[in-house]
């Protein structure tokens, strides 16, 4: 086997772990309140998000517009529960976060798995990229 570098060489402090979990929790809070400002509040201005149907959304303004429409229409009666499953720091200011979303609709329930790249800027953690995919059940 060839020699390969490792990527996850940093560790997260207890404080950073709490702050990152709180950041990801705003997805649940905003979604369930149908408040796109809360849902998208933790994303950077240049965030890139891939939603479960494969649509790629670039930039906070486009993400906010997407969620404003989605929460008022298709997902108006949906609920979500978000759980962080792993935080993998790359550097002291950059981490990969794995999480699970349990979605409940009036007709069914399903799960998504997500991967987020979070970055610390000016002392605060932000979501720079997020990819969501449906879980086959």
N, C-alpha and C. Protein backbone atom coordinates (compact mmCIF):
# COMPACT_ATOMS: atom_id res chain seq x y z
N UNK A 1 0.85 -1.18 0.00
CA UNK A 1 0.00 0.00 0.00
C UNK A 1 0.89 1.24 0.00
N UNK A 2 0.49 2.24 -0.74
CA UNK A 2 1.28 3.47 -0.82
C UNK A 2 1.11 4.31 0.45
N UNK A 3 2.11 5.11 0.71
CA UNK A 3 2.07 6.02 1.85
C UNK A 3 1.08 7.14 1.55
N UNK A 4 0.17 7.41 2.46
CA UNK A 4 -0.85 8.45 2.24
C UNK A 4 -0.87 9.39 3.44
N UNK A 5 -1.11 10.66 3.19
CA UNK A 5 -1.22 11.60 4.32
C UNK A 5 -2.57 11.44 5.01
N UNK A 6 -2.66 11.94 6.21
CA UNK A 6 -3.94 11.99 6.90
C UNK A 6 -4.45 13.43 6.82
N UNK A 7 -5.74 13.57 6.81
CA UNK A 7 -6.35 14.89 6.69
C UNK A 7 -6.79 15.44 8.05
N UNK A 8 -7.25 14.55 8.91
CA UNK A 8 -7.85 14.97 10.17
C UNK A 8 -6.80 14.95 11.26
N UNK A 9 -5.97 15.99 11.30
CA UNK A 9 -4.85 16.02 12.23
C UNK A 9 -5.10 16.93 13.43
N UNK A 10 -6.16 17.70 13.41
CA UNK A 10 -6.49 18.61 14.51
C UNK A 10 -7.53 17.96 15.42
N UNK A 11 -7.73 18.56 16.57
CA UNK A 11 -8.81 18.11 17.46
C UNK A 11 -9.63 19.34 17.84
N UNK A 12 -10.90 19.11 18.10
CA UNK A 12 -11.79 20.21 18.46
C UNK A 12 -11.85 20.33 19.98
N UNK A 13 -11.81 21.55 20.45
CA UNK A 13 -11.97 21.78 21.89
C UNK A 13 -13.42 21.50 22.27
N UNK A 14 -13.65 21.31 23.55
CA UNK A 14 -15.03 21.12 24.02
C UNK A 14 -15.90 22.31 23.64
N UNK A 15 -15.34 23.52 23.76
CA UNK A 15 -16.09 24.73 23.41
C UNK A 15 -16.44 24.74 21.93
N UNK A 16 -15.47 24.42 21.07
CA UNK A 16 -15.75 24.40 19.63
C UNK A 16 -16.77 23.33 19.28
N UNK A 17 -16.69 22.18 19.92
CA UNK A 17 -17.67 21.12 19.68
C UNK A 17 -19.08 21.60 19.99
N UNK A 18 -19.24 22.27 21.11
CA UNK A 18 -20.56 22.82 21.49
C UNK A 18 -21.01 23.85 20.46
N UNK A 19 -20.11 24.76 20.08
CA UNK A 19 -20.48 25.81 19.12
C UNK A 19 -20.85 25.25 17.75
N UNK A 20 -20.12 24.24 17.30
CA UNK A 20 -20.43 23.62 16.01
C UNK A 20 -21.77 22.89 16.08
N UNK A 21 -22.02 22.18 17.16
CA UNK A 21 -23.32 21.50 17.32
C UNK A 21 -24.47 22.52 17.35
N UNK A 22 -24.26 23.63 18.03
CA UNK A 22 -25.28 24.69 18.07
C UNK A 22 -25.52 25.26 16.68
N UNK A 23 -24.45 25.44 15.91
CA UNK A 23 -24.58 25.94 14.54
C UNK A 23 -25.44 25.00 13.70
N UNK A 24 -25.15 23.72 13.73
CA UNK A 24 -25.92 22.74 12.95
C UNK A 24 -27.36 22.67 13.47
N UNK A 25 -27.56 22.86 14.76
CA UNK A 25 -28.91 22.82 15.34
C UNK A 25 -29.81 23.92 14.79
N UNK A 26 -29.22 25.03 14.31
CA UNK A 26 -30.06 26.10 13.75
C UNK A 26 -30.79 25.63 12.50
N UNK A 27 -30.29 24.59 11.85
CA UNK A 27 -31.01 24.03 10.70
C UNK A 27 -32.36 23.49 11.16
N UNK A 28 -32.35 22.73 12.24
CA UNK A 28 -33.61 22.19 12.79
C UNK A 28 -34.51 23.31 13.30
N UNK A 29 -33.95 24.21 14.06
CA UNK A 29 -34.75 25.30 14.64
C UNK A 29 -35.43 26.13 13.56
N UNK A 30 -34.67 26.55 12.57
CA UNK A 30 -35.23 27.37 11.50
C UNK A 30 -36.22 26.63 10.64
N UNK A 31 -35.91 25.37 10.32
CA UNK A 31 -36.81 24.58 9.49
C UNK A 31 -38.15 24.39 10.19
N UNK A 32 -38.13 23.98 11.45
CA UNK A 32 -39.38 23.70 12.16
C UNK A 32 -40.18 24.97 12.44
N UNK A 33 -39.51 26.10 12.58
CA UNK A 33 -40.20 27.38 12.77
C UNK A 33 -40.63 27.99 11.44
N UNK A 34 -40.20 27.37 10.33
CA UNK A 34 -40.45 27.88 8.98
C UNK A 34 -39.89 29.29 8.84
N UNK A 35 -38.70 29.46 9.40
CA UNK A 35 -38.03 30.76 9.41
C UNK A 35 -36.71 30.64 8.64
N UNK A 36 -36.69 31.02 7.36
CA UNK A 36 -35.47 30.87 6.57
C UNK A 36 -34.31 31.73 7.08
N UNK A 37 -34.59 32.81 7.79
CA UNK A 37 -33.51 33.63 8.33
C UNK A 37 -32.74 32.85 9.39
N UNK A 38 -33.44 32.08 10.20
CA UNK A 38 -32.77 31.24 11.21
C UNK A 38 -32.13 30.04 10.52
N UNK A 39 -32.87 29.39 9.64
CA UNK A 39 -32.36 28.21 8.93
C UNK A 39 -31.05 28.53 8.21
N UNK A 40 -30.98 29.65 7.55
CA UNK A 40 -29.82 30.01 6.74
C UNK A 40 -28.87 30.98 7.44
N UNK A 41 -29.20 31.35 8.66
CA UNK A 41 -28.41 32.35 9.37
C UNK A 41 -26.96 31.99 9.59
N UNK A 42 -26.64 30.70 9.64
CA UNK A 42 -25.27 30.27 9.91
C UNK A 42 -24.43 30.00 8.68
N UNK A 43 -24.94 30.31 7.50
CA UNK A 43 -24.21 30.05 6.26
C UNK A 43 -23.40 31.27 5.84
N UNK A 44 -22.24 31.04 5.25
CA UNK A 44 -21.41 32.13 4.75
C UNK A 44 -22.07 32.76 3.52
N UNK A 45 -21.64 33.96 3.18
CA UNK A 45 -22.18 34.66 2.00
C UNK A 45 -21.94 33.88 0.72
N UNK A 46 -20.86 33.12 0.67
CA UNK A 46 -20.50 32.36 -0.53
C UNK A 46 -20.71 30.85 -0.38
N UNK A 47 -21.59 30.46 0.52
CA UNK A 47 -21.85 29.04 0.78
C UNK A 47 -22.31 28.32 -0.49
N UNK A 48 -21.98 27.04 -0.55
CA UNK A 48 -22.43 26.16 -1.63
C UNK A 48 -23.19 25.01 -0.96
N UNK A 49 -24.44 24.81 -1.40
CA UNK A 49 -25.30 23.78 -0.81
C UNK A 49 -25.85 22.90 -1.91
N UNK A 50 -25.73 21.59 -1.73
CA UNK A 50 -26.36 20.62 -2.63
C UNK A 50 -27.50 19.97 -1.87
N UNK A 51 -28.72 20.13 -2.37
CA UNK A 51 -29.91 19.58 -1.72
C UNK A 51 -30.15 18.16 -2.23
N UNK A 52 -31.03 17.39 -1.55
CA UNK A 52 -31.18 15.97 -1.90
C UNK A 52 -31.51 15.65 -3.35
N UNK A 53 -32.18 16.56 -4.06
CA UNK A 53 -32.49 16.25 -5.47
C UNK A 53 -31.33 16.56 -6.41
N UNK A 54 -30.20 17.00 -5.84
CA UNK A 54 -29.01 17.28 -6.64
C UNK A 54 -28.84 18.73 -7.04
N UNK A 55 -29.81 19.56 -6.75
CA UNK A 55 -29.70 20.97 -7.07
C UNK A 55 -28.55 21.59 -6.28
N UNK A 56 -27.71 22.35 -6.96
CA UNK A 56 -26.60 23.05 -6.31
C UNK A 56 -26.98 24.52 -6.19
N UNK A 57 -26.92 25.03 -4.97
CA UNK A 57 -27.27 26.42 -4.69
C UNK A 57 -25.99 27.13 -4.27
N UNK A 58 -25.70 28.23 -4.94
CA UNK A 58 -24.47 28.98 -4.67
C UNK A 58 -24.81 30.37 -4.11
N UNK A 59 -24.30 30.63 -2.92
CA UNK A 59 -24.46 31.94 -2.31
C UNK A 59 -25.64 32.01 -1.36
N UNK A 60 -25.48 32.86 -0.33
CA UNK A 60 -26.49 32.97 0.70
C UNK A 60 -27.82 33.49 0.15
N UNK A 61 -27.78 34.47 -0.72
CA UNK A 61 -29.03 35.03 -1.25
C UNK A 61 -29.85 33.98 -1.98
N UNK A 62 -29.19 33.16 -2.79
CA UNK A 62 -29.90 32.10 -3.51
C UNK A 62 -30.42 31.04 -2.55
N UNK A 63 -29.65 30.72 -1.52
CA UNK A 63 -30.08 29.74 -0.52
C UNK A 63 -31.30 30.25 0.24
N UNK A 64 -31.25 31.52 0.62
CA UNK A 64 -32.38 32.12 1.33
C UNK A 64 -33.63 32.12 0.46
N UNK A 65 -33.50 32.46 -0.80
CA UNK A 65 -34.65 32.44 -1.71
C UNK A 65 -35.21 31.02 -1.85
N UNK A 66 -34.32 30.05 -1.99
CA UNK A 66 -34.75 28.64 -2.10
C UNK A 66 -35.54 28.23 -0.86
N UNK A 67 -34.98 28.47 0.32
CA UNK A 67 -35.66 28.04 1.54
C UNK A 67 -36.93 28.83 1.82
N UNK A 68 -36.95 30.10 1.45
CA UNK A 68 -38.17 30.89 1.64
C UNK A 68 -39.32 30.25 0.87
N UNK A 69 -39.10 29.90 -0.37
CA UNK A 69 -40.13 29.25 -1.17
C UNK A 69 -40.46 27.85 -0.68
N UNK A 70 -39.44 27.07 -0.36
CA UNK A 70 -39.65 25.67 0.04
C UNK A 70 -40.41 25.58 1.36
N UNK A 71 -40.04 26.40 2.33
CA UNK A 71 -40.70 26.34 3.64
C UNK A 71 -42.15 26.80 3.57
N UNK A 72 -42.46 27.69 2.65
CA UNK A 72 -43.83 28.19 2.52
C UNK A 72 -44.71 27.27 1.68
N UNK A 73 -44.09 26.36 0.94
CA UNK A 73 -44.86 25.52 0.02
C UNK A 73 -44.65 24.03 0.28
N UNK A 74 -43.73 23.41 -0.42
CA UNK A 74 -43.56 21.96 -0.38
C UNK A 74 -43.29 21.42 1.02
N UNK A 75 -42.53 22.14 1.83
CA UNK A 75 -42.15 21.64 3.16
C UNK A 75 -42.92 22.32 4.29
N UNK A 76 -44.02 22.98 3.97
CA UNK A 76 -44.76 23.75 4.97
C UNK A 76 -45.25 22.90 6.13
N UNK A 77 -45.58 21.64 5.89
CA UNK A 77 -46.09 20.76 6.94
C UNK A 77 -45.08 19.73 7.40
N UNK A 78 -43.83 19.90 7.01
CA UNK A 78 -42.79 18.95 7.38
C UNK A 78 -42.13 19.36 8.70
N UNK A 79 -41.59 18.36 9.39
CA UNK A 79 -40.79 18.58 10.61
C UNK A 79 -39.46 17.88 10.42
N UNK A 80 -38.45 18.37 11.12
CA UNK A 80 -37.11 17.80 11.00
C UNK A 80 -36.49 17.64 12.38
N UNK A 81 -35.70 16.60 12.53
CA UNK A 81 -34.85 16.41 13.72
C UNK A 81 -33.44 16.21 13.20
N UNK A 82 -32.52 17.04 13.65
CA UNK A 82 -31.13 17.00 13.18
C UNK A 82 -30.23 16.52 14.31
N UNK A 83 -29.34 15.59 14.00
CA UNK A 83 -28.39 15.08 14.99
C UNK A 83 -27.00 15.02 14.38
N UNK A 84 -26.06 15.71 14.99
CA UNK A 84 -24.66 15.62 14.57
C UNK A 84 -24.14 14.25 14.97
N UNK A 85 -23.53 13.55 14.03
CA UNK A 85 -22.98 12.23 14.32
C UNK A 85 -21.47 12.24 14.46
N UNK A 86 -20.82 13.24 13.87
CA UNK A 86 -19.37 13.30 13.95
C UNK A 86 -18.87 14.68 13.57
N UNK A 87 -17.85 15.15 14.28
CA UNK A 87 -17.15 16.38 13.94
C UNK A 87 -15.70 16.00 13.70
N UNK A 88 -15.20 16.28 12.49
CA UNK A 88 -13.84 15.89 12.09
C UNK A 88 -13.05 17.15 11.75
N UNK A 89 -12.31 17.71 12.70
CA UNK A 89 -11.51 18.91 12.41
C UNK A 89 -10.39 18.63 11.42
N UNK A 90 -10.23 19.53 10.47
CA UNK A 90 -9.11 19.50 9.54
C UNK A 90 -7.98 20.41 10.04
N UNK A 91 -8.37 21.55 10.56
CA UNK A 91 -7.45 22.52 11.18
C UNK A 91 -8.20 23.09 12.38
N UNK A 92 -7.56 23.91 13.19
CA UNK A 92 -8.30 24.51 14.31
C UNK A 92 -9.49 25.38 13.87
N UNK A 93 -9.51 25.81 12.61
CA UNK A 93 -10.58 26.70 12.12
C UNK A 93 -11.40 26.11 10.99
N UNK A 94 -11.30 24.81 10.77
CA UNK A 94 -12.01 24.16 9.66
C UNK A 94 -12.35 22.73 10.06
N UNK A 95 -13.61 22.34 9.85
CA UNK A 95 -14.02 20.98 10.22
C UNK A 95 -15.06 20.45 9.25
N UNK A 96 -15.09 19.14 9.13
CA UNK A 96 -16.13 18.43 8.40
C UNK A 96 -17.11 17.91 9.46
N UNK A 97 -18.39 18.16 9.25
CA UNK A 97 -19.42 17.73 10.20
C UNK A 97 -20.37 16.78 9.48
N UNK A 98 -20.55 15.60 10.06
CA UNK A 98 -21.53 14.64 9.54
C UNK A 98 -22.76 14.72 10.42
N UNK A 99 -23.93 14.69 9.78
CA UNK A 99 -25.17 14.77 10.56
C UNK A 99 -26.27 13.98 9.88
N UNK A 100 -27.30 13.70 10.65
CA UNK A 100 -28.47 12.98 10.16
C UNK A 100 -29.69 13.86 10.34
N UNK A 101 -30.56 13.82 9.35
CA UNK A 101 -31.84 14.53 9.42
C UNK A 101 -32.96 13.50 9.33
N UNK A 102 -33.84 13.52 10.29
CA UNK A 102 -35.05 12.70 10.25
C UNK A 102 -36.20 13.62 9.87
N UNK A 103 -36.78 13.36 8.71
CA UNK A 103 -37.86 14.20 8.19
C UNK A 103 -39.19 13.51 8.42
N UNK A 104 -40.19 14.28 8.84
CA UNK A 104 -41.55 13.77 8.99
C UNK A 104 -42.48 14.66 8.18
N UNK A 105 -43.25 14.03 7.30
CA UNK A 105 -44.23 14.75 6.50
C UNK A 105 -45.61 14.24 6.91
N UNK A 106 -46.68 14.88 6.46
CA UNK A 106 -48.01 14.36 6.79
C UNK A 106 -48.23 12.92 6.29
N UNK A 107 -47.50 12.52 5.26
CA UNK A 107 -47.72 11.21 4.65
C UNK A 107 -46.64 10.17 4.92
N UNK A 108 -45.46 10.60 5.36
CA UNK A 108 -44.37 9.63 5.49
C UNK A 108 -43.25 10.20 6.36
N UNK A 109 -42.22 9.39 6.50
CA UNK A 109 -41.00 9.81 7.19
C UNK A 109 -39.83 9.28 6.39
N UNK A 110 -38.74 10.02 6.39
CA UNK A 110 -37.54 9.58 5.68
C UNK A 110 -36.33 10.25 6.32
N UNK A 111 -35.16 9.81 5.89
CA UNK A 111 -33.93 10.35 6.46
C UNK A 111 -33.03 10.90 5.37
N UNK A 112 -32.26 11.89 5.73
CA UNK A 112 -31.18 12.43 4.91
C UNK A 112 -29.90 12.34 5.73
N UNK A 113 -28.79 12.14 5.06
CA UNK A 113 -27.49 12.29 5.69
C UNK A 113 -26.83 13.52 5.10
N UNK A 114 -26.19 14.28 5.95
CA UNK A 114 -25.56 15.51 5.49
C UNK A 114 -24.09 15.57 5.85
N UNK A 115 -23.37 16.30 5.04
CA UNK A 115 -21.97 16.61 5.30
C UNK A 115 -21.82 18.12 5.16
N UNK A 116 -21.28 18.75 6.18
CA UNK A 116 -21.06 20.19 6.15
C UNK A 116 -19.58 20.49 6.37
N UNK A 117 -19.12 21.51 5.71
CA UNK A 117 -17.79 22.05 5.97
C UNK A 117 -18.02 23.35 6.73
N UNK A 118 -17.49 23.41 7.95
CA UNK A 118 -17.66 24.61 8.77
C UNK A 118 -16.32 25.29 8.96
N UNK A 119 -16.36 26.60 9.01
CA UNK A 119 -15.13 27.38 9.13
C UNK A 119 -15.31 28.46 10.20
N UNK A 120 -14.24 28.73 10.91
CA UNK A 120 -14.29 29.80 11.90
C UNK A 120 -13.79 31.08 11.25
N UNK A 121 -14.63 32.12 11.33
CA UNK A 121 -14.27 33.43 10.81
C UNK A 121 -14.59 34.46 11.89
N UNK A 122 -13.62 35.30 12.22
CA UNK A 122 -13.81 36.35 13.23
C UNK A 122 -14.39 35.80 14.52
N UNK A 123 -13.93 34.61 14.92
CA UNK A 123 -14.33 34.01 16.19
C UNK A 123 -15.62 33.23 16.18
N UNK A 124 -16.33 33.20 15.06
CA UNK A 124 -17.61 32.48 14.98
C UNK A 124 -17.51 31.36 13.95
N UNK A 125 -18.27 30.30 14.17
CA UNK A 125 -18.34 29.17 13.23
C UNK A 125 -19.44 29.42 12.21
N UNK A 126 -19.15 29.09 10.93
CA UNK A 126 -20.07 29.29 9.82
C UNK A 126 -20.09 28.04 8.94
N UNK A 127 -21.20 27.80 8.29
CA UNK A 127 -21.30 26.70 7.32
C UNK A 127 -20.89 27.25 5.96
N UNK A 128 -19.81 26.70 5.40
CA UNK A 128 -19.31 27.13 4.09
C UNK A 128 -19.83 26.26 2.96
N UNK A 129 -20.09 25.00 3.27
CA UNK A 129 -20.61 24.06 2.26
C UNK A 129 -21.43 23.00 2.97
N UNK A 130 -22.45 22.52 2.27
CA UNK A 130 -23.30 21.48 2.83
C UNK A 130 -23.83 20.63 1.69
N UNK A 131 -23.82 19.33 1.91
CA UNK A 131 -24.37 18.39 0.93
C UNK A 131 -25.31 17.46 1.67
N UNK A 132 -26.50 17.33 1.16
CA UNK A 132 -27.55 16.52 1.75
C UNK A 132 -27.92 15.42 0.78
N UNK A 133 -28.09 14.22 1.26
CA UNK A 133 -28.53 13.13 0.37
C UNK A 133 -29.56 12.27 1.07
N UNK A 134 -30.53 11.80 0.30
CA UNK A 134 -31.55 10.91 0.86
C UNK A 134 -30.95 9.56 1.19
N UNK A 135 -31.45 8.96 2.25
CA UNK A 135 -31.04 7.63 2.66
C UNK A 135 -32.09 6.64 2.17
N UNK A 136 -31.67 5.64 1.44
CA UNK A 136 -32.60 4.60 1.00
C UNK A 136 -32.97 3.75 2.21
N UNK A 137 -34.27 3.60 2.43
CA UNK A 137 -34.71 2.80 3.58
C UNK A 137 -35.57 1.65 3.13
